Amino acid sequence: MFTIQVFERSTGRPAYYKKVSVGFKGLFRGFSKDQYTDRNGEAHFSEDNGEGTVYVQGKPEYDGRIEGRIVVYID
């Protein structure tokens, strides 16, 4: 389980209702189900931790180890 928290870079405020997905590295991992951020900018995932890329609104925003809480800033 992990959480992706998304903030608007220009305002520093949480980004509400943004589509977030994760593409995992590895032969059989694939993509997570899409989640949408809540009023705190958080999208919660039940998938196992691992290496991958975080996409917000279809745009890659983070690449690396995905576990715990990942914070990303979007334009």
PDB file of N, CA and C in Angstrom:
ATOM      1  N   MET A   1       0.845  -1.186   0.000  1.00  0.00           N
ATOM      2  CA  MET A   1       0.000   0.000   0.000  1.00  0.00           C
ATOM      3  C   MET A   1       0.887   1.244   0.000  1.00  0.00           C
ATOM      4  N   PHE A   2       0.416   2.247  -0.698  1.00  0.00           N
ATOM      5  CA  PHE A   2       1.142   3.506  -0.734  1.00  0.00           C
ATOM      6  C   PHE A   2       0.175   4.630  -1.092  1.00  0.00           C
ATOM      7  N   THR A   3       0.639   5.859  -0.876  1.00  0.00           N
ATOM      8  CA  THR A   3      -0.158   7.052  -1.152  1.00  0.00           C
ATOM      9  C   THR A   3       0.653   7.983  -2.031  1.00  0.00           C
ATOM     10  N   ILE A   4       0.005   8.536  -3.034  1.00  0.00           N
ATOM     11  CA  ILE A   4       0.602   9.576  -3.856  1.00  0.00           C
ATOM     12  C   ILE A   4      -0.109  10.871  -3.494  1.00  0.00           C
ATOM     13  N   GLN A   5       0.659  11.883  -3.081  1.00  0.00           N
ATOM     14  CA  GLN A   5       0.069  13.180  -2.752  1.00  0.00           C
ATOM     15  C   GLN A   5       0.514  14.182  -3.810  1.00  0.00           C
ATOM     16  N   VAL A   6      -0.456  14.904  -4.374  1.00  0.00           N
ATOM     17  CA  VAL A   6      -0.206  15.804  -5.491  1.00  0.00           C
ATOM     18  C   VAL A   6      -0.492  17.245  -5.068  1.00  0.00           C
ATOM     19  N   PHE A   7       0.469  18.134  -5.368  1.00  0.00           N
ATOM     20  CA  PHE A   7       0.322  19.558  -5.083  1.00  0.00           C
ATOM     21  C   PHE A   7       0.463  20.354  -6.370  1.00  0.00           C
ATOM     22  N   GLU A   8      -0.238  21.474  -6.433  1.00  0.00           N
ATOM     23  CA  GLU A   8      -0.080  22.425  -7.533  1.00  0.00           C
ATOM     24  C   GLU A   8       1.199  23.219  -7.268  1.00  0.00           C
ATOM     25  N   ARG A   9       2.118  23.213  -8.206  1.00  0.00           N
ATOM     26  CA  ARG A   9       3.396  23.902  -8.028  1.00  0.00           C
ATOM     27  C   ARG A   9       3.198  25.418  -7.851  1.00  0.00           C
ATOM     28  N   SER A  10       2.282  25.999  -8.596  1.00  0.00           N
ATOM     29  CA  SER A  10       2.106  27.457  -8.590  1.00  0.00           C
ATOM     30  C   SER A  10       1.518  27.995  -7.284  1.00  0.00           C
ATOM     31  N   THR A  11       0.669  27.199  -6.638  1.00  0.00           N
ATOM     32  CA  THR A  11       0.000  27.673  -5.418  1.00  0.00           C
ATOM     33  C   THR A  11       0.468  26.961  -4.155  1.00  0.00           C
ATOM     34  N   GLY A  12       1.050  25.776  -4.316  1.00  0.00           N
ATOM     35  CA  GLY A  12       1.443  24.982  -3.158  1.00  0.00           C
ATOM     36  C   GLY A  12       0.273  24.268  -2.502  1.00  0.00           C
ATOM     37  N   ARG A  13      -0.889  24.353  -3.119  1.00  0.00           N
ATOM     38  CA  ARG A  13      -2.096  23.725  -2.550  1.00  0.00           C
ATOM     39  C   ARG A  13      -2.282  22.317  -3.091  1.00  0.00           C
ATOM     40  N   PRO A  14      -2.984  21.474  -2.322  1.00  0.00           N
ATOM     41  CA  PRO A  14      -3.283  20.124  -2.821  1.00  0.00           C
ATOM     42  C   PRO A  14      -4.098  20.179  -4.106  1.00  0.00           C
ATOM     43  N   ALA A  15      -3.786  19.285  -5.018  1.00  0.00           N
ATOM     44  CA  ALA A  15      -4.497  19.207  -6.306  1.00  0.00           C
ATOM     45  C   ALA A  15      -5.682  18.266  -6.141  1.00  0.00           C
ATOM     46  N   TYR A  16      -6.883  18.784  -6.353  1.00  0.00           N
ATOM     47  CA  TYR A  16      -8.118  18.022  -6.153  1.00  0.00           C
ATOM     48  C   TYR A  16      -8.594  17.387  -7.454  1.00  0.00           C
ATOM     49  N   TYR A  17      -9.037  16.147  -7.362  1.00  0.00           N
ATOM     50  CA  TYR A  17      -9.635  15.364  -8.444  1.00  0.00           C
ATOM     51  C   TYR A  17      -8.734  15.264  -9.673  1.00  0.00           C
ATOM     52  N   LYS A  18      -7.492  14.887  -9.430  1.00  0.00           N
ATOM     53  CA  LYS A  18      -6.542  14.603 -10.510  1.00  0.00           C
ATOM     54  C   LYS A  18      -6.398  13.094 -10.636  1.00  0.00           C
ATOM     55  N   LYS A  19      -6.377  12.612 -11.876  1.00  0.00           N
ATOM     56  CA  LYS A  19      -6.240  11.170 -12.115  1.00  0.00           C
ATOM     57  C   LYS A  19      -4.782  10.763 -11.923  1.00  0.00           C
ATOM     58  N   VAL A  20      -4.566   9.756 -11.080  1.00  0.00           N
ATOM     59  CA  VAL A  20      -3.227   9.271 -10.770  1.00  0.00           C
ATOM     60  C   VAL A  20      -3.169   7.775 -11.072  1.00  0.00           C
ATOM     61  N   SER A  21      -2.098   7.352 -11.735  1.00  0.00           N
ATOM     62  CA  SER A  21      -1.874   5.925 -11.964  1.00  0.00           C
ATOM     63  C   SER A  21      -0.387   5.650 -11.836  1.00  0.00           C
ATOM     64  N   VAL A  22      -0.059   4.376 -11.693  1.00  0.00           N
ATOM     65  CA  VAL A  22       1.331   3.963 -11.541  1.00  0.00           C
ATOM     66  C   VAL A  22       1.620   2.841 -12.526  1.00  0.00           C
ATOM     67  N   GLY A  23       2.685   3.013 -13.281  1.00  0.00           N
ATOM     68  CA  GLY A  23       3.186   1.968 -14.162  1.00  0.00           C
ATOM     69  C   GLY A  23       4.366   1.302 -13.484  1.00  0.00           C
ATOM     70  N   PHE A  24       4.214   0.044 -13.125  1.00  0.00           N
ATOM     71  CA  PHE A  24       5.267  -0.660 -12.396  1.00  0.00           C
ATOM     72  C   PHE A  24       6.279  -1.283 -13.345  1.00  0.00           C
ATOM     73  N   LYS A  25       7.523  -1.298 -12.907  1.00  0.00           N
ATOM     74  CA  LYS A  25       8.565  -1.993 -13.652  1.00  0.00           C
ATOM     75  C   LYS A  25       8.541  -3.453 -13.234  1.00  0.00           C
ATOM     76  N   GLY A  26       8.848  -4.315 -14.131  1.00  0.00           N
ATOM     77  CA  GLY A  26       8.818  -5.740 -13.829  1.00  0.00           C
ATOM     78  C   GLY A  26       7.951  -6.465 -14.834  1.00  0.00           C
ATOM     79  N   LEU A  27       8.245  -7.702 -15.021  1.00  0.00           N
ATOM     80  CA  LEU A  27       7.626  -8.494 -16.068  1.00  0.00           C
ATOM     81  C   LEU A  27       6.103  -8.609 -15.945  1.00  0.00           C
ATOM     82  N   PHE A  28       5.596  -8.774 -14.731  1.00  0.00           N
ATOM     83  CA  PHE A  28       4.163  -9.055 -14.571  1.00  0.00           C
ATOM     84  C   PHE A  28       3.392  -7.984 -13.824  1.00  0.00           C
ATOM     85  N   ARG A  29       3.989  -6.817 -13.562  1.00  0.00           N
ATOM     86  CA  ARG A  29       3.326  -5.816 -12.725  1.00  0.00           C
ATOM     87  C   ARG A  29       2.309  -4.973 -13.481  1.00  0.00           C
ATOM     88  N   GLY A  30       2.658  -4.419 -14.612  1.00  0.00           N
ATOM     89  CA  GLY A  30       1.706  -3.611 -15.375  1.00  0.00           C
ATOM     90  C   GLY A  30       1.371  -2.299 -14.699  1.00  0.00           C
ATOM     91  N   PHE A  31       0.115  -1.850 -14.880  1.00  0.00           N
ATOM     92  CA  PHE A  31      -0.352  -0.573 -14.338  1.00  0.00           C
ATOM     93  C   PHE A  31      -1.346  -0.799 -13.203  1.00  0.00           C
ATOM     94  N   SER A  32      -1.380   0.181 -12.304  1.00  0.00           N
ATOM     95  CA  SER A  32      -2.386   0.180 -11.245  1.00  0.00           C
ATOM     96  C   SER A  32      -3.720   0.621 -11.833  1.00  0.00           C
ATOM     97  N   LYS A  33      -4.770   0.482 -11.050  1.00  0.00           N
ATOM     98  CA  LYS A  33      -6.051   1.086 -11.409  1.00  0.00           C
ATOM     99  C   LYS A  33      -5.921   2.586 -11.186  1.00  0.00           C
ATOM    100  N   ASP A  34      -6.616   3.366 -11.996  1.00  0.00           N
ATOM    101  CA  ASP A  34      -6.609   4.820 -11.811  1.00  0.00           C
ATOM    102  C   ASP A  34      -7.279   5.164 -10.484  1.00  0.00           C
ATOM    103  N   GLN A  35      -6.705   6.141  -9.803  1.00  0.00           N
ATOM    104  CA  GLN A  35      -7.285   6.696  -8.583  1.00  0.00           C
ATOM    105  C   GLN A  35      -7.369   8.202  -8.781  1.00  0.00           C
ATOM    106  N   TYR A  36      -8.256   8.858  -8.047  1.00  0.00           N
ATOM    107  CA  TYR A  36      -8.390  10.311  -8.122  1.00  0.00           C
ATOM    108  C   TYR A  36      -8.057  10.920  -6.775  1.00  0.00           C
ATOM    109  N   THR A  37      -7.367  12.067  -6.809  1.00  0.00           N
ATOM    110  CA  THR A  37      -6.977  12.705  -5.562  1.00  0.00           C
ATOM    111  C   THR A  37      -8.198  13.250  -4.827  1.00  0.00           C
ATOM    112  N   ASP A  38      -8.098  13.224  -3.506  1.00  0.00           N
ATOM    113  CA  ASP A  38      -9.158  13.778  -2.656  1.00  0.00           C
ATOM    114  C   ASP A  38      -8.831  15.254  -2.369  1.00  0.00           C
ATOM    115  N   ARG A  39      -9.544  15.856  -1.456  1.00  0.00           N
ATOM    116  CA  ARG A  39      -9.344  17.280  -1.153  1.00  0.00           C
ATOM    117  C   ARG A  39      -7.969  17.571  -0.552  1.00  0.00           C
ATOM    118  N   ASN A  40      -7.314  16.549  -0.029  1.00  0.00           N
ATOM    119  CA  ASN A  40      -5.959  16.705   0.497  1.00  0.00           C
ATOM    120  C   ASN A  40      -4.907  16.428  -0.570  1.00  0.00           C
ATOM    121  N   GLY A  41      -5.341  16.175  -1.796  1.00  0.00           N
ATOM    122  CA  GLY A  41      -4.418  15.869  -2.875  1.00  0.00           C
ATOM    123  C   GLY A  41      -3.889  14.455  -2.832  1.00  0.00           C
ATOM    124  N   GLU A  42      -4.515  13.583  -2.053  1.00  0.00           N
ATOM    125  CA  GLU A  42      -4.026  12.213  -1.863  1.00  0.00           C
ATOM    126  C   GLU A  42      -4.802  11.200  -2.692  1.00  0.00           C
ATOM    127  N   ALA A  43      -4.048  10.288  -3.289  1.00  0.00           N
ATOM    128  CA  ALA A  43      -4.619   9.131  -3.979  1.00  0.00           C
ATOM    129  C   ALA A  43      -4.032   7.897  -3.313  1.00  0.00           C
ATOM    130  N   HIS A  44      -4.886   7.003  -2.838  1.00  0.00           N
ATOM    131  CA  HIS A  44      -4.455   5.833  -2.078  1.00  0.00           C
ATOM    132  C   HIS A  44      -4.514   4.579  -2.957  1.00  0.00           C
ATOM    133  N   PHE A  45      -3.459   3.789  -2.886  1.00  0.00           N
ATOM    134  CA  PHE A  45      -3.343   2.580  -3.699  1.00  0.00           C
ATOM    135  C   PHE A  45      -3.154   1.365  -2.793  1.00  0.00           C
ATOM    136  N   SER A  46      -3.778   0.251  -3.178  1.00  0.00           N
ATOM    137  CA  SER A  46      -3.653  -0.985  -2.391  1.00  0.00           C
ATOM    138  C   SER A  46      -2.618  -1.937  -2.988  1.00  0.00           C
ATOM    139  N   GLU A  47      -2.023  -1.561  -4.126  1.00  0.00           N
ATOM    140  CA  GLU A  47      -1.015  -2.407  -4.759  1.00  0.00           C
ATOM    141  C   GLU A  47       0.246  -2.484  -3.898  1.00  0.00           C
ATOM    142  N   ASP A  48       1.056  -3.505  -4.136  1.00  0.00           N
ATOM    143  CA  ASP A  48       2.316  -3.652  -3.425  1.00  0.00           C
ATOM    144  C   ASP A  48       3.310  -2.594  -3.871  1.00  0.00           C
ATOM    145  N   ASN A  49       4.235  -2.264  -2.976  1.00  0.00           N
ATOM    146  CA  ASN A  49       5.306  -1.328  -3.286  1.00  0.00           C
ATOM    147  C   ASN A  49       6.175  -1.872  -4.408  1.00  0.00           C
ATOM    148  N   GLY A  50       6.939  -0.997  -5.040  1.00  0.00           N
ATOM    149  CA  GLY A  50       7.840  -1.444  -6.086  1.00  0.00           C
ATOM    150  C   GLY A  50       8.440  -0.279  -6.851  1.00  0.00           C
ATOM    151  N   GLU A  51       9.177  -0.599  -7.898  1.00  0.00           N
ATOM    152  CA  GLU A  51       9.766   0.412  -8.776  1.00  0.00           C
ATOM    153  C   GLU A  51       8.766   0.758  -9.864  1.00  0.00           C
ATOM    154  N   GLY A  52       8.700   2.047 -10.214  1.00  0.00           N
ATOM    155  CA  GLY A  52       7.776   2.412 -11.270  1.00  0.00           C
ATOM    156  C   GLY A  52       7.731   3.894 -11.531  1.00  0.00           C
ATOM    157  N   THR A  53       6.722   4.285 -12.292  1.00  0.00           N
ATOM    158  CA  THR A  53       6.516   5.677 -12.677  1.00  0.00           C
ATOM    159  C   THR A  53       5.118   6.110 -12.264  1.00  0.00           C
ATOM    160  N   VAL A  54       5.033   7.284 -11.642  1.00  0.00           N
ATOM    161  CA  VAL A  54       3.753   7.873 -11.252  1.00  0.00           C
ATOM    162  C   VAL A  54       3.309   8.818 -12.362  1.00  0.00           C
ATOM    163  N   TYR A  55       2.065   8.642 -12.798  1.00  0.00           N
ATOM    164  CA  TYR A  55       1.463   9.499 -13.817  1.00  0.00           C
ATOM    165  C   TYR A  55       0.328  10.286 -13.189  1.00  0.00           C
ATOM    166  N   VAL A  56       0.303  11.594 -13.464  1.00  0.00           N
ATOM    167  CA  VAL A  56      -0.804  12.447 -13.029  1.00  0.00           C
ATOM    168  C   VAL A  56      -1.400  13.063 -14.286  1.00  0.00           C
ATOM    169  N   GLN A  57      -2.686  12.820 -14.502  1.00  0.00           N
ATOM    170  CA  GLN A  57      -3.380  13.277 -15.706  1.00  0.00           C
ATOM    171  C   GLN A  57      -2.657  12.772 -16.957  1.00  0.00           C
ATOM    172  N   GLY A  58      -2.078  11.569 -16.875  1.00  0.00           N
ATOM    173  CA  GLY A  58      -1.422  10.949 -18.017  1.00  0.00           C
ATOM    174  C   GLY A  58       0.014  11.389 -18.251  1.00  0.00           C
ATOM    175  N   LYS A  59       0.520  12.299 -17.446  1.00  0.00           N
ATOM    176  CA  LYS A  59       1.876  12.824 -17.617  1.00  0.00           C
ATOM    177  C   LYS A  59       2.799  12.231 -16.547  1.00  0.00           C
ATOM    178  N   PRO A  60       3.968  11.691 -16.933  1.00  0.00           N
ATOM    179  CA  PRO A  60       4.888  11.134 -15.933  1.00  0.00           C
ATOM    180  C   PRO A  60       5.424  12.234 -15.024  1.00  0.00           C
ATOM    181  N   GLU A  61       5.306  12.015 -13.706  1.00  0.00           N
ATOM    182  CA  GLU A  61       5.724  13.028 -12.730  1.00  0.00           C
ATOM    183  C   GLU A  61       6.782  12.532 -11.752  1.00  0.00           C
ATOM    184  N   TYR A  62       6.959  11.221 -11.643  1.00  0.00           N
ATOM    185  CA  TYR A  62       7.937  10.663 -10.702  1.00  0.00           C
ATOM    186  C   TYR A  62       8.356   9.304 -11.213  1.00  0.00           C
ATOM    187  N   ASP A  63       9.635   8.999 -11.066  1.00  0.00           N
ATOM    188  CA  ASP A  63      10.146   7.690 -11.454  1.00  0.00           C
ATOM    189  C   ASP A  63      11.082   7.207 -10.361  1.00  0.00           C
ATOM    190  N   GLY A  64      10.855   6.000  -9.867  1.00  0.00           N
ATOM    191  CA  GLY A  64      11.715   5.465  -8.812  1.00  0.00           C
ATOM    192  C   GLY A  64      10.957   4.507  -7.917  1.00  0.00           C
ATOM    193  N   ARG A  65      11.448   4.371  -6.692  1.00  0.00           N
ATOM    194  CA  ARG A  65      10.849   3.477  -5.700  1.00  0.00           C
ATOM    195  C   ARG A  65       9.529   4.062  -5.220  1.00  0.00           C
ATOM    196  N   ILE A  66       8.496   3.236  -5.242  1.00  0.00           N
ATOM    197  CA  ILE A  66       7.164   3.681  -4.828  1.00  0.00           C
ATOM    198  C   ILE A  66       6.766   2.896  -3.587  1.00  0.00           C
ATOM    199  N   GLU A  67       6.746   3.616  -2.466  1.00  0.00           N
ATOM    200  CA  GLU A  67       6.348   3.026  -1.187  1.00  0.00           C
ATOM    201  C   GLU A  67       6.010   4.155  -0.226  1.00  0.00           C
ATOM    202  N   GLY A  68       5.201   3.855   0.775  1.00  0.00           N
ATOM    203  CA  GLY A  68       4.833   4.861   1.766  1.00  0.00           C
ATOM    204  C   GLY A  68       4.058   6.001   1.141  1.00  0.00           C
ATOM    205  N   ARG A  69       4.649   7.200   1.200  1.00  0.00           N
ATOM    206  CA  ARG A  69       4.011   8.391   0.639  1.00  0.00           C
ATOM    207  C   ARG A  69       4.985   9.026  -0.352  1.00  0.00           C
ATOM    208  N   ILE A  70       4.495   9.262  -1.558  1.00  0.00           N
ATOM    209  CA  ILE A  70       5.260   9.961  -2.583  1.00  0.00           C
ATOM    210  C   ILE A  70       4.569  11.301  -2.816  1.00  0.00           C
ATOM    211  N   VAL A  71       5.324  12.377  -2.762  1.00  0.00           N
ATOM    212  CA  VAL A  71       4.770  13.711  -2.990  1.00  0.00           C
ATOM    213  C   VAL A  71       5.270  14.199  -4.351  1.00  0.00           C
ATOM    214  N   VAL A  72       4.330  14.651  -5.197  1.00  0.00           N
ATOM    215  CA  VAL A  72       4.693  15.207  -6.499  1.00  0.00           C
ATOM    216  C   VAL A  72       4.055  16.576  -6.658  1.00  0.00           C
ATOM    217  N   TYR A  73       4.737  17.416  -7.418  1.00  0.00           N
ATOM    218  CA  TYR A  73       4.250  18.756  -7.735  1.00  0.00           C
ATOM    219  C   TYR A  73       3.990  18.830  -9.217  1.00  0.00           C
ATOM    220  N   ILE A  74       2.821  19.370  -9.567  1.00  0.00           N
ATOM    221  CA  ILE A  74       2.448  19.467 -10.982  1.00  0.00           C
ATOM    222  C   ILE A  74       2.286  20.930 -11.379  1.00  0.00           C
ATOM    223  N   ASP A  75       2.425  21.195 -12.671  1.00  0.00           N
ATOM    224  CA  ASP A  75       2.248  22.569 -13.185  1.00  0.00           C
ATOM    225  C   ASP A  75       0.792  22.849 -13.441  1.00  0.00           C
TER     226      ASP A  75
END
